[in-house]
Each structure stands twice: as structure tokens, then as C-alpha cells.
């Protein structure tokens, strides 16, 4: 069956948008995890009296 190019293009464009949204969501989740981890390190360091320079490098 011959599918018109416009339909193929729309399907590809929709898949790109979907994949981009999923990728952005994953990066946001990773970023939030890293931020939480950095906050955890900062709290532990403060409780131990360590310099911020140690974990910010």
C-alpha cells in the first residue's frame, strides 16, 4: 500500500515530538535527582563541619 508522503511526515514528526518529550522528562528527573543528592551532600557536610569546596568541585 502506498502511503502519502504527508502522512509519513506527520507520523515521523509526531514520533519526534513524543521522543523529545520523553527525553526531556528523563533529563528533568536526572537533574532533580542530582539536585537532591547535592543538597544531601551539603547537609551532611554542614553537619560534619566540612568545607563546601570539597563537594562543589
N, C-alpha and C. Protein backbone atom coordinates (compact mmCIF):
# COMPACT_ATOMS: atom_id res chain seq x y z
N UNK A 1 0.84 -1.19 0.00
CA UNK A 1 0.00 0.00 0.00
C UNK A 1 0.88 1.25 0.00
N UNK A 2 0.57 2.17 -0.84
CA UNK A 2 1.31 3.42 -0.91
C UNK A 2 0.73 4.43 0.07
N UNK A 3 1.54 4.85 1.02
CA UNK A 3 1.09 5.84 1.99
C UNK A 3 1.60 7.20 1.53
N UNK A 4 0.73 8.19 1.44
CA UNK A 4 1.18 9.52 1.02
C UNK A 4 2.30 10.06 1.90
N UNK A 5 3.19 10.79 1.27
CA UNK A 5 4.35 11.35 1.98
C UNK A 5 3.92 12.23 3.15
N UNK A 6 2.84 12.98 2.99
CA UNK A 6 2.40 13.88 4.07
C UNK A 6 2.01 13.10 5.32
N UNK A 7 1.41 11.93 5.14
CA UNK A 7 1.03 11.10 6.29
C UNK A 7 2.29 10.54 6.95
N UNK A 8 3.23 10.08 6.14
CA UNK A 8 4.50 9.58 6.69
C UNK A 8 5.21 10.68 7.47
N UNK A 9 5.25 11.87 6.88
CA UNK A 9 5.91 13.01 7.53
C UNK A 9 5.25 13.35 8.85
N UNK A 10 3.93 13.35 8.88
CA UNK A 10 3.20 13.66 10.12
C UNK A 10 3.48 12.61 11.18
N UNK A 11 3.55 11.35 10.78
CA UNK A 11 3.82 10.28 11.75
C UNK A 11 5.23 10.43 12.32
N UNK A 12 6.19 10.73 11.45
CA UNK A 12 7.57 10.92 11.91
C UNK A 12 7.65 12.13 12.84
N UNK A 13 7.00 13.22 12.47
CA UNK A 13 7.01 14.43 13.29
C UNK A 13 6.38 14.15 14.66
N UNK A 14 5.29 13.42 14.68
CA UNK A 14 4.63 13.08 15.95
C UNK A 14 5.54 12.23 16.81
N UNK A 15 6.27 11.30 16.20
CA UNK A 15 7.19 10.44 16.95
C UNK A 15 8.35 11.25 17.51
N UNK A 16 8.85 12.20 16.73
CA UNK A 16 9.94 13.06 17.19
C UNK A 16 9.49 13.88 18.39
N UNK A 17 8.29 14.44 18.32
CA UNK A 17 7.75 15.23 19.44
C UNK A 17 7.61 14.36 20.68
N UNK A 18 7.07 13.16 20.49
CA UNK A 18 6.88 12.23 21.62
C UNK A 18 8.23 11.85 22.23
N UNK A 19 9.19 11.51 21.39
CA UNK A 19 10.52 11.11 21.88
C UNK A 19 11.21 12.26 22.59
N UNK A 20 11.07 13.46 22.05
CA UNK A 20 11.66 14.65 22.67
C UNK A 20 11.06 14.89 24.05
N UNK A 21 9.75 14.77 24.17
CA UNK A 21 9.09 14.98 25.46
C UNK A 21 9.56 13.95 26.48
N UNK A 22 9.68 12.70 26.05
CA UNK A 22 10.15 11.64 26.96
C UNK A 22 11.58 11.92 27.40
N UNK A 23 12.43 12.31 26.44
CA UNK A 23 13.83 12.60 26.74
C UNK A 23 13.95 13.76 27.72
N UNK A 24 13.18 14.83 27.48
CA UNK A 24 13.22 15.98 28.38
C UNK A 24 12.77 15.58 29.78
N UNK A 25 11.78 14.72 29.87
CA UNK A 25 11.30 14.25 31.17
C UNK A 25 12.38 13.47 31.90
N UNK A 26 13.10 12.61 31.16
CA UNK A 26 14.19 11.84 31.78
C UNK A 26 15.29 12.76 32.28
N UNK A 27 15.66 13.76 31.46
CA UNK A 27 16.69 14.70 31.89
C UNK A 27 16.25 15.49 33.11
N UNK A 28 14.97 15.85 33.15
CA UNK A 28 14.44 16.58 34.31
C UNK A 28 14.52 15.71 35.56
N UNK A 29 14.16 14.43 35.42
CA UNK A 29 14.24 13.51 36.55
C UNK A 29 15.67 13.35 37.04
N UNK A 30 16.61 13.22 36.09
CA UNK A 30 18.02 13.09 36.46
C UNK A 30 18.50 14.36 37.15
N UNK A 31 18.12 15.50 36.61
CA UNK A 31 18.51 16.78 37.18
C UNK A 31 17.98 16.93 38.60
N UNK A 32 16.73 16.54 38.82
CA UNK A 32 16.15 16.61 40.16
C UNK A 32 16.87 15.68 41.11
N UNK A 33 17.26 14.49 40.63
CA UNK A 33 17.98 13.54 41.47
C UNK A 33 19.35 14.08 41.86
N UNK A 34 20.04 14.68 40.89
CA UNK A 34 21.37 15.26 41.15
C UNK A 34 21.24 16.41 42.14
N UNK A 35 20.22 17.24 41.95
CA UNK A 35 20.00 18.37 42.85
C UNK A 35 19.73 17.88 44.27
N UNK A 36 18.90 16.85 44.39
CA UNK A 36 18.60 16.28 45.70
C UNK A 36 19.86 15.70 46.33
N UNK A 37 20.67 15.01 45.52
CA UNK A 37 21.91 14.42 46.01
C UNK A 37 22.87 15.52 46.49
N UNK A 38 22.96 16.61 45.72
CA UNK A 38 23.83 17.72 46.11
C UNK A 38 23.36 18.35 47.42
N UNK A 39 22.04 18.47 47.59
CA UNK A 39 21.50 19.01 48.84
C UNK A 39 21.84 18.08 50.00
N UNK A 40 21.74 16.79 49.75
CA UNK A 40 22.08 15.80 50.77
C UNK A 40 23.54 15.94 51.17
N UNK A 41 24.42 16.04 50.17
CA UNK A 41 25.85 16.22 50.45
C UNK A 41 26.10 17.51 51.24
N UNK A 42 25.42 18.57 50.86
CA UNK A 42 25.59 19.85 51.55
C UNK A 42 25.16 19.73 53.01
N UNK A 43 24.03 19.07 53.25
CA UNK A 43 23.54 18.90 54.62
C UNK A 43 24.50 18.07 55.45
N UNK A 44 24.99 16.98 54.87
CA UNK A 44 25.94 16.12 55.60
C UNK A 44 27.22 16.89 55.89
N UNK A 45 27.72 17.61 54.87
CA UNK A 45 28.95 18.37 55.04
C UNK A 45 28.81 19.43 56.12
N UNK A 46 27.66 20.11 56.11
CA UNK A 46 27.43 21.13 57.13
C UNK A 46 27.40 20.52 58.52
N UNK A 47 26.76 19.36 58.64
CA UNK A 47 26.68 18.70 59.95
C UNK A 47 28.05 18.24 60.42
N UNK A 48 28.91 17.88 59.46
CA UNK A 48 30.26 17.43 59.81
C UNK A 48 31.24 18.60 59.89
N UNK A 49 30.79 19.78 59.50
CA UNK A 49 31.66 20.96 59.53
C UNK A 49 32.67 20.99 58.41
N UNK A 50 32.36 20.33 57.28
CA UNK A 50 33.28 20.30 56.16
C UNK A 50 33.12 21.54 55.29
N UNK A 51 34.17 21.85 54.56
CA UNK A 51 34.13 22.99 53.65
C UNK A 51 33.27 22.68 52.44
N UNK A 52 32.53 23.67 51.96
CA UNK A 52 31.70 23.49 50.77
C UNK A 52 32.57 23.18 49.55
N UNK A 53 33.80 23.64 49.55
CA UNK A 53 34.68 23.45 48.40
C UNK A 53 34.92 21.97 48.12
N UNK A 54 34.81 21.14 49.10
CA UNK A 54 35.08 19.71 48.93
C UNK A 54 34.08 19.08 47.98
N UNK A 55 32.80 19.35 48.16
CA UNK A 55 31.79 18.68 47.34
C UNK A 55 31.33 19.51 46.15
N UNK A 56 31.81 20.74 46.03
CA UNK A 56 31.38 21.56 44.89
C UNK A 56 32.33 21.47 43.71
N UNK A 57 33.44 20.78 43.85
CA UNK A 57 34.40 20.65 42.75
C UNK A 57 33.86 19.75 41.68
